Structure formats: C-alpha cells, structure tokens
Amino acid sequence: MLLDALYTVLRVDENSAEVLLSDAEHPVFKAHFPEKPILPGFVHLDIISDVFNLEILGVKKAKYSEIVHPSQTLQYIKNANKIVVTCNDKDVASFSLV
C-alpha cells in the first residue's frame, strides 16, 4: 500500500528501470518533511524490489548522495547485487544488496 500510485514505470528490463514519481500530494512525500517533501531513502528499496521483482534479504551498503523530490524521473541500474539510482544523469543513491 505504501507504493500505491507513488510512481509510474516508464521502462523496465532485466537490468534497468525508469520510473516517474508522483507529485507532492502522495502520502509518502507528506510523511517525511511536510513543508519540504522528499522521498524517504528506504522507499528506494521498495521500488527496487517491486520493479525488478527481487526479494531483498539485506543491504550491505547504502549511500544517499542527493535528495529526491516529487515528480522526478529516476533510473535504477542493476549490476549483479549493486543498484545505482540516478536522476538527471547524477547518482542519487546506491545499494549493495545481500
């Protein structure tokens, strides 16, 4: 239910996915900082699990380098157990999964 209408899949294949986030009215964006909506970092893992149909057993390393805002388009690039998240050609997060 957390992901309901949070994003629209624009493209997905075995190793990459592109999603468009919903606007600031989605409850996920209202929960973190109501006056300054951002995507909570843990939600990336839910999106990764959903778009790649992965069961995430654990995270060895997570790095968040940029804030993600509503209505942005994100690319998720999977290479073995590593996922890199980009937005506008900038890395915004990366994860090493178990």
Protein backbone atom coordinates (compact mmCIF):
# COMPACT_ATOMS: atom_id res chain seq x y z
CA MET A 1 0.00 0.00 0.00
CA LEU A 2 2.95 2.31 0.59
CA LEU A 3 3.78 2.21 -3.12
CA ASP A 4 0.22 2.65 -4.42
CA ALA A 5 0.36 5.41 -7.04
CA LEU A 6 3.80 6.52 -5.82
CA TYR A 7 5.38 6.06 -9.24
CA THR A 8 4.71 5.10 -12.82
CA VAL A 9 7.05 2.67 -14.58
CA LEU A 10 8.21 4.28 -17.81
CA ARG A 11 10.55 1.48 -18.85
CA VAL A 12 11.88 -1.72 -17.33
CA ASP A 13 14.13 -4.56 -18.45
CA GLU A 14 16.32 -7.11 -16.69
CA ASN A 15 19.00 -4.61 -15.61
CA SER A 16 17.39 -1.19 -15.59
CA ALA A 17 14.17 0.61 -14.87
CA GLU A 18 12.94 4.16 -15.22
CA VAL A 19 10.15 5.49 -13.02
CA LEU A 20 8.33 8.80 -12.73
CA LEU A 21 7.48 9.74 -9.15
CA SER A 22 4.07 11.13 -8.27
CA ASP A 23 3.53 14.69 -7.15
CA ALA A 24 3.95 16.03 -3.62
CA GLU A 25 0.37 15.06 -2.70
CA HIS A 26 1.31 11.39 -2.28
CA PRO A 27 1.36 10.40 1.43
CA VAL A 28 4.99 9.20 1.23
CA PHE A 29 6.13 12.73 0.46
CA LYS A 30 3.96 14.26 3.17
CA ALA A 31 5.34 11.96 5.90
CA HIS A 32 9.00 12.96 5.83
CA PHE A 33 9.01 16.77 5.89
CA PRO A 34 5.52 18.16 5.25
CA GLU A 35 6.81 21.59 4.25
CA LYS A 36 9.67 20.24 2.11
CA PRO A 37 8.59 16.92 0.56
CA ILE A 38 11.33 14.41 -0.27
CA LEU A 39 11.42 10.69 -0.97
CA PRO A 40 12.48 8.76 2.16
CA GLY A 41 15.61 6.75 1.39
CA PHE A 42 14.19 3.38 2.41
CA VAL A 43 11.47 3.70 -0.25
CA HIS A 44 14.13 3.14 -2.94
CA LEU A 45 14.40 -0.44 -1.65
CA ASP A 46 10.66 -0.94 -2.01
CA ILE A 47 10.77 0.39 -5.58
CA ILE A 48 13.78 -1.81 -6.44
CA SER A 49 12.04 -4.88 -5.05
CA ASP A 50 8.87 -4.07 -6.95
CA VAL A 51 10.25 -3.15 -10.40
CA PHE A 52 12.88 -5.92 -10.53
CA ASN A 53 10.72 -8.47 -8.71
CA LEU A 54 13.50 -9.03 -6.17
CA GLU A 55 13.34 -10.30 -2.63
CA ILE A 56 15.81 -8.11 -0.77
CA LEU A 57 17.27 -10.13 2.09
CA GLY A 58 19.59 -7.42 3.34
CA VAL A 59 21.63 -4.38 2.47
CA LYS A 60 25.42 -4.47 2.83
CA LYS A 61 25.88 -0.82 1.99
CA ALA A 62 23.61 2.11 1.20
CA LYS A 63 24.73 5.53 0.06
CA TYR A 64 22.46 8.53 -0.44
CA SER A 65 24.13 11.39 -2.29
CA GLU A 66 21.24 13.60 -3.45
CA ILE A 67 17.75 14.44 -2.24
CA VAL A 68 14.94 13.07 -4.39
CA HIS A 69 11.88 15.28 -4.85
CA PRO A 70 8.33 14.56 -6.07
CA SER A 71 7.69 14.40 -9.83
CA GLN A 72 11.28 13.46 -10.65
CA THR A 73 12.23 10.67 -13.05
CA LEU A 74 14.60 8.09 -11.59
CA GLN A 75 16.69 5.42 -13.30
CA TYR A 76 17.55 2.24 -11.40
CA ILE A 77 20.54 0.39 -12.87
CA LYS A 78 21.21 -3.15 -11.64
CA ASN A 79 24.59 -4.83 -11.95
CA ALA A 80 24.65 -8.15 -10.05
CA ASN A 81 23.98 -7.23 -6.40
CA LYS A 82 24.60 -3.49 -6.84
CA ILE A 83 21.91 -0.96 -7.75
CA VAL A 84 22.66 2.64 -8.68
CA VAL A 85 19.88 5.22 -8.73
CA THR A 86 20.28 8.26 -10.97
CA CYS A 87 18.27 11.37 -11.69
CA ASN A 88 19.20 13.85 -14.43
CA ASP A 89 22.45 11.92 -15.01
CA LYS A 90 23.52 12.33 -11.35
CA ASP A 91 23.82 9.46 -8.89
CA VAL A 92 21.32 9.96 -6.08
CA ALA A 93 21.77 6.63 -4.27
CA SER A 94 23.45 3.27 -4.47
CA PHE A 95 22.89 -0.03 -2.74
CA SER A 96 24.89 -3.25 -2.32
CA LEU A 97 22.34 -5.96 -1.66
CA VAL A 98 22.74 -9.31 0.08
